[in-house]
Protein backbone atom coordinates (compact mmCIF):
# COMPACT_ATOMS: atom_id res chain seq x y z
CA MET A 1 95.10 64.76 194.15
CA GLN A 2 98.37 63.64 194.83
CA ARG A 3 101.63 64.17 192.84
CA ARG A 4 102.48 61.51 190.16
CA ALA A 5 105.53 59.54 191.43
CA PHE A 6 106.31 56.92 188.81
CA LEU A 7 107.89 58.20 186.25
CA ARG A 8 111.77 58.14 185.97
CA ALA A 9 114.01 61.05 185.99
CA GLY A 10 116.32 61.33 182.61
CA GLY A 11 118.89 63.34 180.94
CA ALA A 12 120.50 64.51 177.61
CA ALA A 13 122.92 65.81 175.41
CA GLY A 14 123.79 68.31 172.15
CA ALA A 15 124.60 71.64 169.46
CA VAL A 16 126.08 75.60 168.39
CA LEU A 17 126.89 77.67 165.45
CA THR A 18 127.22 81.48 164.85
CA VAL A 19 125.25 83.68 162.37
CA PRO A 20 123.84 87.13 162.70
CA GLY A 21 120.45 87.82 162.36
CA ALA A 22 118.55 90.85 160.62
CA ALA A 23 116.55 92.94 162.50
CA THR A 24 113.65 95.51 161.72
CA ASP A 25 112.63 97.89 164.13
CA SER A 26 109.37 100.27 164.59
CA ALA A 27 106.46 98.63 166.28
CA ALA A 28 103.92 100.71 167.91
CA ALA A 29 102.78 100.33 171.73
CA THR A 30 99.07 101.14 172.57
CA PRO A 31 98.60 101.79 176.36
CA ARG A 32 95.37 101.99 177.42
CA ALA A 33 96.00 104.44 181.07
CA ASN A 34 94.64 107.80 179.73
CA GLN A 35 90.97 106.51 181.32
CA GLU A 36 89.16 105.63 184.21
CA ALA A 37 89.88 102.26 185.51
CA PRO A 38 87.54 99.81 184.37
CA ASP A 39 85.11 97.91 186.61
CA SER A 40 85.36 94.91 184.01
CA PHE A 41 88.13 92.65 182.71
CA GLU A 42 89.58 94.61 179.87
CA PRO A 43 93.01 95.05 178.48
CA LEU A 44 95.65 96.98 179.85
CA GLY A 45 97.82 97.52 176.86
CA GLN A 46 98.04 96.58 173.37
CA ILE A 47 101.06 96.62 170.74
CA GLU A 48 100.67 96.47 167.26
CA LEU A 49 103.89 94.83 165.67
CA SER A 50 105.62 96.48 162.04
CA GLY A 51 105.81 93.22 160.30
CA GLY A 52 104.04 89.77 160.16
CA ASP A 53 100.91 87.97 161.96
CA PRO A 54 101.18 86.98 165.78
CA ALA A 55 100.73 83.68 165.94
CA GLU A 56 101.98 81.70 169.55
CA VAL A 57 103.30 83.63 172.52
CA VAL A 58 105.36 82.46 175.05
CA VAL A 59 107.08 84.05 178.60
CA GLY A 60 110.41 83.75 179.14
CA ASP A 61 112.18 82.97 182.43
CA ASP A 62 112.03 86.11 183.87
CA GLY A 63 108.40 86.70 183.57
CA GLU A 64 109.17 89.95 181.75
CA THR A 65 110.22 89.02 178.22
CA ALA A 66 107.50 87.80 175.69
CA TYR A 67 108.37 85.63 172.57
CA LEU A 68 105.91 85.94 169.51
CA ALA A 69 106.10 84.23 166.50
CA THR A 70 104.75 86.46 163.88
CA THR A 71 104.45 83.99 160.81
CA TYR A 72 107.37 85.72 159.09
CA GLY A 73 109.71 85.59 161.99
CA PHE A 74 109.61 86.26 165.61
CA ALA A 75 109.56 89.43 168.18
CA THR A 76 110.86 89.84 171.55
CA VAL A 77 108.55 92.44 173.64
CA ASP A 78 109.28 93.80 177.35
CA LEU A 79 105.93 93.25 179.33
CA GLY A 80 107.85 94.94 182.22
CA ASP A 81 105.07 97.62 182.21
CA PRO A 82 101.95 96.12 181.15
CA ILE A 83 100.00 99.04 180.69
CA ALA A 84 102.53 99.78 177.75
CA PRO A 85 104.51 96.91 176.71
CA GLU A 86 107.82 97.65 174.78
CA PRO A 87 109.01 96.11 171.34
CA LEU A 88 113.03 95.11 171.93
CA ALA A 89 113.34 93.40 168.43
CA GLU A 90 111.97 91.74 165.21
CA ARG A 91 113.37 88.97 162.72
CA ASN A 92 111.49 88.92 159.83
CA GLN A 93 111.63 87.85 156.37
CA LEU A 94 113.87 84.87 157.64
CA ALA A 95 116.03 83.03 155.12
CA VAL A 96 118.69 80.08 155.91
CA ASP A 97 121.46 79.95 152.88
CA GLY A 98 119.10 82.13 150.83
CA ARG A 99 116.46 79.87 151.28
CA GLU A 100 113.04 81.30 152.72
CA PHE A 101 112.16 80.27 156.61
CA THR A 102 108.92 80.89 157.05
CA ARG A 103 105.22 80.69 158.24
CA ILE A 104 106.42 80.43 161.69
CA PHE A 105 103.60 79.80 163.86
CA ASP A 106 105.66 78.29 167.17
CA VAL A 107 108.60 79.69 169.42
CA LYS A 108 109.33 78.41 172.67
CA VAL A 109 112.13 79.68 175.50
CA ASP A 110 114.65 77.64 177.40
CA GLY A 111 116.57 79.62 179.56
CA ASP A 112 119.05 81.79 177.16
CA ARG A 113 117.67 79.87 174.01
CA LEU A 114 114.79 80.27 171.69
CA ALA A 115 113.40 77.42 169.53
CA VAL A 116 112.25 79.11 166.26
CA VAL A 117 110.53 76.22 163.97
CA GLY A 118 108.59 76.13 161.16
CA PRO A 119 106.95 76.41 158.33
CA ALA A 120 103.99 75.41 160.18
CA ASP A 121 102.03 73.65 157.21
CA GLU A 122 103.65 71.93 154.55
CA GLY A 123 104.53 72.92 151.13
CA PHE A 124 105.33 76.27 152.55
CA GLY A 125 109.38 77.67 152.76
CA GLU A 126 112.24 75.98 151.33
CA PHE A 127 113.69 75.70 154.82
CA ASN A 128 111.98 72.89 157.00
CA GLY A 129 113.63 72.95 160.27
CA PHE A 130 114.25 74.67 163.48
CA GLU A 131 116.80 77.64 164.41
CA LEU A 132 118.15 78.43 167.68
CA TYR A 133 118.75 82.07 169.24
CA ASP A 134 120.84 82.97 172.10
CA ILE A 135 118.51 85.47 174.15
CA SER A 136 120.54 86.49 176.89
CA ASP A 137 119.78 89.63 175.47
CA PRO A 138 116.10 89.72 174.23
CA ALA A 139 116.58 92.75 172.45
CA ASP A 140 119.62 91.31 170.21
CA PRO A 141 118.72 87.56 169.53
CA ALA A 142 121.43 85.98 167.58
CA VAL A 143 121.44 82.64 165.81
CA VAL A 144 123.70 80.00 167.48
CA ASP A 145 122.58 76.96 165.81
CA ARG A 146 120.16 75.82 163.17
CA TYR A 147 119.02 71.92 161.92
CA GLU A 148 117.25 71.15 158.57
CA THR A 149 114.86 68.41 159.55
CA GLY A 150 113.58 67.95 156.06
CA PHE A 151 109.64 67.98 157.38
CA HIS A 152 107.39 70.84 158.46
CA ILE A 153 107.07 71.83 162.34
CA HIS A 154 103.70 73.15 163.21
CA ASN A 155 104.48 73.24 166.99
CA CYS A 156 107.23 72.43 169.50
CA PHE A 157 108.46 72.19 173.19
CA PHE A 158 111.88 73.20 174.52
CA ALA A 159 113.11 72.47 177.84
CA ASP A 160 116.42 71.12 179.63
CA GLU A 161 118.30 71.27 176.32
CA LEU A 162 115.76 69.17 174.53
CA LEU A 163 113.60 70.44 171.68
CA TYR A 164 110.67 68.11 170.68
CA VAL A 165 109.03 68.73 167.63
CA VAL A 166 105.75 67.58 165.77
CA ASN A 167 106.40 65.45 162.32
CA ASN A 168 103.53 64.63 160.29
CA GLY A 169 103.20 63.61 156.70
CA PRO A 170 101.61 60.71 154.64
CA ASP A 171 103.67 58.44 156.08
CA ASP A 172 104.13 59.15 159.67
CA THR A 173 102.60 61.03 162.54
CA ALA A 174 105.65 61.04 165.75
CA LEU A 175 107.19 63.15 167.86
CA VAL A 176 110.94 63.72 167.52
CA ILE A 177 112.99 64.90 169.96
CA TYR A 178 116.68 66.14 169.47
CA ASP A 179 119.40 66.94 172.00
CA THR A 180 120.84 70.88 171.35
CA SER A 181 123.30 70.81 174.43
CA ASP A 182 126.72 70.22 172.74
CA ASP A 183 128.50 71.24 169.48
CA ASP A 184 125.77 69.52 167.04
CA THR A 185 122.31 69.25 167.41
CA GLU A 186 121.05 65.50 167.05
CA GLU A 187 117.82 63.51 166.83
CA VAL A 188 118.34 61.38 169.95
CA GLY A 189 114.87 59.92 169.71
CA ARG A 190 111.32 59.69 168.55
CA TRP A 191 107.60 58.12 169.44
CA SER A 192 105.51 57.17 166.17
CA LEU A 193 101.70 57.07 166.63
CA LEU A 194 101.45 54.49 163.45
CA ASP A 195 104.25 52.05 165.23
CA HIS A 196 101.98 52.27 168.24
CA GLU A 197 98.96 51.61 166.46
CA PRO A 198 99.13 50.71 162.64
CA GLU A 199 95.71 50.89 162.16
CA TRP A 200 95.69 54.33 161.17
CA GLU A 201 98.22 53.90 158.46
CA ASP A 202 95.20 53.51 156.34
CA VAL A 203 93.01 56.89 157.70
CA TYR A 204 94.00 59.95 155.66
CA TRP A 205 97.06 61.40 157.63
CA TYR A 206 95.59 64.71 158.48
CA ALA A 207 92.49 62.77 161.18
CA HIS A 208 95.59 61.58 162.76
CA TYR A 209 97.92 64.67 163.07
CA LEU A 210 100.16 65.45 165.91
CA HIS A 211 99.20 68.72 166.75
CA ASP A 212 101.44 69.91 169.29
CA VAL A 213 103.69 68.64 172.17
CA THR A 214 103.64 69.94 175.89
CA VAL A 215 106.32 68.12 178.34
CA ARG A 216 105.64 68.13 181.79
CA ASP A 217 107.88 66.15 184.60
CA ASP A 218 109.22 63.46 181.79
CA LEU A 219 105.74 63.13 180.44
CA ALA A 220 104.81 64.00 177.02
CA LEU A 221 101.55 65.51 176.13
CA LEU A 222 100.61 64.52 172.25
CA PRO A 223 97.07 65.73 170.90
CA PHE A 224 96.93 63.38 167.49
CA TRP A 225 93.63 65.10 166.76
CA ASP A 226 91.08 62.58 165.98
CA ALA A 227 93.25 60.11 167.40
CA GLY A 228 93.22 61.39 170.70
CA THR A 229 95.66 62.89 173.10
CA TYR A 230 98.39 60.27 173.92
CA LEU A 231 100.42 60.64 177.37
CA VAL A 232 103.85 59.60 176.71
CA ASP A 233 107.25 58.82 179.08
CA VAL A 234 110.16 60.75 177.68
CA SER A 235 112.32 60.21 181.05
CA ASP A 236 114.71 58.50 178.47
CA PRO A 237 114.56 60.40 175.56
CA SER A 238 116.14 57.78 173.23
CA ALA A 239 113.34 55.47 174.27
CA PRO A 240 109.97 57.00 174.97
CA GLU A 241 107.21 54.59 176.37
CA TYR A 242 103.44 54.95 175.99
CA VAL A 243 101.65 55.33 178.89
CA SER A 244 97.77 56.02 178.01
CA HIS A 245 95.41 58.41 176.21
CA VAL A 246 92.32 59.90 176.55
CA ARG A 247 89.38 58.90 174.15
CA ASP A 248 89.69 55.81 172.07
CA PRO A 249 87.91 56.16 168.91
CA ASP A 250 86.75 53.66 166.49
CA VAL A 251 89.01 53.92 163.21
CA GLY A 252 86.46 51.97 161.35
CA ASP A 253 83.60 54.32 162.44
CA ASP A 254 81.12 55.90 159.90
CA ARG A 255 83.00 58.99 159.89
CA SER A 256 84.29 59.96 156.47
CA TYR A 257 88.24 60.25 156.66
CA GLY A 258 88.31 60.46 152.93
CA GLY A 259 89.60 64.19 152.48
CA SER A 260 90.68 67.26 154.58
CA GLU A 261 86.94 68.55 155.49
CA ALA A 262 86.37 65.55 157.55
CA VAL A 263 88.82 66.44 160.52
CA TYR A 264 87.12 70.08 160.75
CA SER A 265 84.37 69.00 162.53
CA LEU A 266 83.54 66.96 165.97
CA PRO A 267 83.65 64.27 167.47
CA GLY A 268 87.93 64.53 167.82
CA ASN A 269 89.96 67.42 166.97
CA ASP A 270 92.34 67.33 169.91
CA HIS A 271 94.22 70.05 169.30
CA TYR A 272 96.15 71.33 172.65
CA ALA A 273 96.96 69.81 175.98
CA ALA A 274 98.54 71.22 179.06
CA VAL A 275 98.70 69.91 182.73
CA ASP A 276 98.81 72.20 186.05
CA ASP A 277 101.78 72.77 188.20
CA ALA A 278 101.41 69.54 190.13
CA GLY A 279 100.79 67.05 186.69
CA ASP A 280 97.72 66.01 188.22
CA LEU A 281 95.12 67.75 186.04
CA LEU A 282 95.43 67.46 182.02
CA ALA A 283 93.16 69.82 179.77
CA VAL A 284 92.80 68.91 176.36
CA GLY A 285 91.22 71.75 173.78
CA ARG A 286 89.72 70.25 170.91
CA GLU A 287 89.69 73.22 167.35
CA SER A 288 86.57 72.23 165.40
CA TRP A 289 84.19 74.10 163.24
CA THR A 290 80.37 73.84 162.15
CA THR A 291 80.50 72.22 158.44
CA GLY A 292 76.89 70.82 158.29
CA GLY A 293 77.44 67.51 159.39
CA SER A 294 75.68 65.09 162.12
CA ALA A 295 76.01 66.14 165.66
CA PRO A 296 78.27 67.15 167.68
CA ASP A 297 78.46 70.22 164.99
CA GLY A 298 80.03 73.03 165.95
CA PRO A 299 83.42 74.71 167.87
CA GLY A 300 85.23 72.41 170.42
CA GLY A 301 85.72 73.30 174.13
CA ILE A 302 88.08 72.03 176.79
CA ASP A 303 88.34 68.85 178.77
CA LEU A 304 89.36 68.69 181.75
CA TYR A 305 90.83 64.82 183.21
CA ASP A 306 92.44 63.83 186.66
CA VAL A 307 95.69 62.05 186.08
CA THR A 308 96.82 61.92 189.17
CA ASP A 309 97.44 58.01 187.93
CA PRO A 310 98.30 58.77 184.44
CA THR A 311 98.30 55.29 183.33
CA ALA A 312 94.10 56.14 183.87
CA PRO A 313 93.23 59.25 182.98
CA ASP A 314 89.41 60.06 184.66
CA PRO A 315 87.21 62.64 182.66
CA LEU A 316 86.25 65.36 185.20
CA ALA A 317 84.59 68.35 183.15
CA SER A 318 84.12 69.88 179.84
CA ILE A 319 84.24 73.84 179.51
CA GLU A 320 81.99 74.61 176.32
CA PRO A 321 82.88 77.56 174.05
CA PRO A 322 81.49 81.05 173.69
CA GLU A 323 78.63 81.31 171.54
CA SER A 324 78.70 82.11 167.72
CA ASP A 325 76.00 83.43 165.61
CA ASP A 326 78.24 81.47 162.46
CA ALA A 327 80.74 78.78 163.80
CA SER A 328 81.79 77.78 159.82
CA ARG A 329 85.53 77.88 159.20
CA ARG A 330 85.29 79.88 156.20
CA GLY A 331 83.32 83.26 156.68
CA GLY A 332 82.25 82.27 160.18
CA GLU A 333 82.78 83.43 163.61
CA TRP A 334 85.60 81.80 165.11
CA THR A 335 84.65 80.75 168.93
CA THR A 336 86.56 77.18 169.22
CA ALA A 337 89.07 76.61 172.02
CA HIS A 338 92.31 77.29 170.83
CA ASN A 339 96.14 77.46 173.31
CA PHE A 340 95.76 77.95 176.98
CA GLU A 341 97.80 77.80 180.24
CA LEU A 342 96.98 76.24 183.73
CA ARG A 343 98.85 78.23 186.46
CA ASP A 344 98.07 78.14 190.04
CA GLY A 345 94.68 76.49 190.22
CA ARG A 346 92.92 78.61 187.27
CA LEU A 347 92.48 77.88 183.71
CA TYR A 348 93.88 80.68 181.03
CA SER A 349 92.64 80.33 177.89
CA ALA A 350 91.86 81.96 174.38
CA TRP A 351 89.10 81.44 171.98
CA TYR A 352 89.82 82.97 168.80
CA GLN A 353 86.94 85.47 168.00
CA GLY A 354 85.55 84.07 171.18
CA GLY A 355 88.42 86.38 173.56
CA ILE A 356 90.16 85.14 176.39
CA LYS A 357 88.61 83.04 179.61
CA ILE A 358 89.80 82.79 183.17
CA HIS A 359 88.64 79.56 184.93
CA ASP A 360 88.97 78.81 188.28
CA VAL A 361 89.79 75.21 188.27
CA GLY A 362 90.56 74.55 192.20
CA ASP A 363 87.98 72.19 191.66
CA PRO A 364 88.74 70.75 188.29
CA ALA A 365 85.05 68.48 188.12
CA ALA A 366 83.12 71.92 189.02
CA PRO A 367 85.20 74.96 186.81
CA GLU A 368 83.64 77.94 187.61
CA GLU A 369 84.39 80.95 184.91
CA LEU A 370 85.85 84.20 186.61
CA ALA A 371 86.29 86.81 183.59
CA HIS A 372 85.47 86.82 180.11
CA TRP A 373 86.70 89.64 177.52
CA ARG A 374 85.81 89.39 173.64
CA ALA A 375 85.49 91.81 171.01
CA THR A 376 84.41 89.77 168.15
CA ASP A 377 85.59 91.98 165.14
CA GLU A 378 88.22 93.28 166.79
CA ALA A 379 90.53 90.80 168.34
CA ALA A 380 91.13 86.64 167.38
CA LEU A 381 93.45 85.34 170.60
CA TRP A 382 95.56 82.65 169.82
CA THR A 383 96.44 81.78 173.16
CA ALA A 384 97.13 83.13 176.90
CA ARG A 385 99.93 83.08 178.97
CA VAL A 386 100.57 84.04 182.40
CA ALA A 387 103.76 86.97 183.01
CA ASN A 388 104.98 89.54 185.81
CA ASP A 389 104.50 86.89 188.93
CA GLY A 390 101.14 85.95 187.97
CA ALA A 391 99.93 89.62 188.06
CA THR A 392 99.21 89.97 183.77
CA VAL A 393 98.46 87.67 181.46
CA VAL A 394 99.76 88.29 177.96
CA ALA A 395 97.43 87.08 174.57
CA SER A 396 98.43 87.49 170.88
CA SER A 397 95.60 87.98 168.50
CA THR A 398 95.87 86.90 164.67
CA SER A 399 94.39 88.52 161.45
CA ARG A 400 94.54 85.04 159.79
CA ILE A 401 90.74 84.85 160.69
CA PRO A 402 88.79 84.30 156.93
CA ALA A 403 86.47 87.18 156.16
CA THR A 404 87.88 89.65 159.11
CA ASP A 405 89.45 93.01 159.26
CA ILE A 406 91.09 91.91 162.39
CA ASP A 407 94.62 93.27 163.06
CA GLY A 408 97.35 91.29 164.30
CA ALA A 409 98.67 92.53 168.11
CA LEU A 410 99.47 91.74 171.33
CA TYR A 411 97.44 92.31 174.58
CA THR A 412 98.19 92.32 178.26
CA PHE A 413 95.30 91.98 181.02
CA PRO A 414 95.27 91.88 184.49
CA THR A 415 94.76 88.29 186.22
CA GLY A 416 93.18 89.34 189.52
CA LEU A 417 95.08 86.43 190.86
CA GLY A 418 94.16 85.96 194.65
CA SER A 419 90.52 87.85 194.22
CA ASP A 420 86.83 86.88 193.46
CA PHE A 421 85.49 87.78 190.13
CA GLU A 422 82.01 88.29 189.00
CA THR A 423 81.13 87.21 185.48
CA GLY A 424 78.48 88.36 183.28
CA GLY A 425 76.65 87.22 180.29
CA ASP A 426 78.44 85.99 177.27
CA ASP A 427 78.78 88.98 174.45
CA THR A 428 78.38 88.03 171.26
CA ASP A 429 78.75 91.60 169.56
CA GLY A 430 81.97 92.53 171.13
CA GLY A 431 83.25 94.90 173.63
CA SER A 432 84.12 93.87 177.21
CA ASN A 433 82.46 91.30 178.86
CA GLY A 434 82.75 89.67 182.36
CA ALA A 435 82.36 92.30 184.80
CA LEU A 436 83.90 92.27 187.95
CA SER A 437 83.09 92.76 191.55
CA ASP A 438 83.29 96.16 193.07
CA ARG A 439 84.64 94.21 196.31
CA VAL A 440 87.64 93.34 194.11
CA PRO A 441 91.01 95.58 194.49
CA GLY A 442 92.63 96.87 191.28
CA PHE A 443 89.30 96.24 189.20
CA GLY A 444 87.03 99.11 190.37
CA GLY A 445 87.83 102.60 190.74
CA LEU A 446 91.11 103.54 192.06
CA GLY A 447 92.57 106.21 194.50
CA ALA A 448 92.23 110.09 193.85
CA GLY A 449 95.19 111.07 191.18
CA VAL A 450 95.60 107.89 189.48
CA GLY A 451 94.41 107.48 186.40
CA LEU A 452 95.40 104.32 184.86
CA ALA A 453 93.52 101.67 183.82
CA GLY A 454 94.00 97.89 185.04
CA GLY A 455 93.93 98.17 188.71
CA ALA A 456 95.68 97.96 191.62
CA ALA A 457 96.83 94.66 191.51
CA ALA A 458 98.82 95.40 188.11
CA LEU A 459 100.02 99.03 189.63
CA GLU A 460 101.24 97.35 192.96
CA TRP A 461 103.28 94.77 190.73
CA ILE A 462 104.79 97.71 188.97
CA ARG A 463 105.51 99.36 191.77
CA ARG A 464 107.09 96.47 193.35
CA ARG A 465 109.23 95.41 190.33
CA ASP A 466 110.59 99.02 190.16
CA ASP A 467 111.27 98.90 194.30
CA ASP A 468 113.72 95.43 193.41
CA ARG A 469 116.07 97.53 190.91
C-alpha cells in the first residue's frame, strides 16, 4: 500500500487563562519484580490510583508519561521504569466556578497541553465542556484555559492546537473543532452527519451516536455507531469535507431503533477507529453485547480496511473477540472490542475482560495473533497504548463492569517488539495467556543474578534510558 497524498495541508489559530488546580496524592505502585521472569506474556507492573476509576489512557510526546482519565478527574504517571510505574499527580473532584465537572472518560495530549473533556454522558455534572492544562511539568498540571460547550463530550482528539470533540444529542450528532492557539478558545468548524445524511434524523439518536474521533494527516475518522465510520477531510478545519465511509446500513431495515436496547447489539456499533503510521490501514472496533436478538448477536470485533485510497475503503479482514461464557451487558462477561493502537505493523488492542492482545498486521489481510493476556475476574482493559520507544504497552483497567469486583488499575506490559511470539489457547477462566517462545529474548529466563519480571527487552530499554541521562 502506498501513502495517501491527495489531502490538502491545513492550519489553525486559539486560547489561555490561569487557574490553580487542586491535587491529591498517594497512589500505590505494585511492581511485579520479585519473581522469576515469566515465559508468558504478563504484566510488568501495576498501579492503583487513590481516587476515581480509570478510563482512557494516552502517552505523552516523551513516551514515558501516561495521562489517565479517572472519571472524577485525571492522573499523570511516570512510565520511565515500566516495572514500577510511579504516580506523579492526581486531580480529582474537578469543579468549575463551584459546578461539578465529572464523568471524565477521555483526555488527550498535544505537546505540553492536556485536554480534559466531559461529562462523557448526558445528564452528568453541571459543567459541560473542557479544560486545558499546562503539563510542561507532568507532576504539577495547571489549568490554562476552559471552555463551556453546553453539551456532553464522550471523547476527543487534540493535535496542532486544534481540539476535536464529539457532539451528541437528540438534535444533532457532529464533530466540532476548536482552535486553542490564541487568547480565546473558539469554535472554528463542524461536520454533521445529519446535514450529510438527513434520513438519520428520524432514527433514535443513540443509533447514530458519534462515539469517538481520531485524526491523522488531515483525515478525521468518525465512528457513528450504527451509521458506520466516516472519513472526513479536515485539512481546512473551518470547512470539513466528506471523503467516504465504511458500512452502508439501510436506515429503513427491520432492526428496531425505538429505544436504547437496540443499539447494544450487532450489526453496526462502530465504536473506535484508528489508522496505522502510514495512514493506509484503517481499524474499526465494534462494541456490542449479547441481547438475545437475531444473529449476529454477541461481542464485537475489529475490522481492517485498506484506505490507501481513502475515497474507496476496501475491507481486508476481521479480528474476532475473545470467547465469553455470557456476553450480556448486565451481569455478563465483557469481551467486546474497546480501544486500541496501530503502531509499526502491530495492533495493540483492549477487550475489557477479554484482556489485551497484540496482532501482527504486516499482512492486514491475514492478521496474526502474537500474544494475549487476560485475567477475567481481575482486569477489564479499556485501551492499550505503546510507550517507552515501543518497549512497553500501557493499559488501563476499569471497575465499571456490572456484577464484578474488578478494581481500577493501570498495567504495563512488554511489547516484545522485534521478536517472534508464540500464542497459547484462549483462557476464559482468567490468568495469563499467550505463551511466548523460549527463543524470544526477554520472555524466557534471565541471566544469572537477575530477578526481574518482564524480560531483557524492557531491561535493555531501562539501561539505555539511564545511560542517556
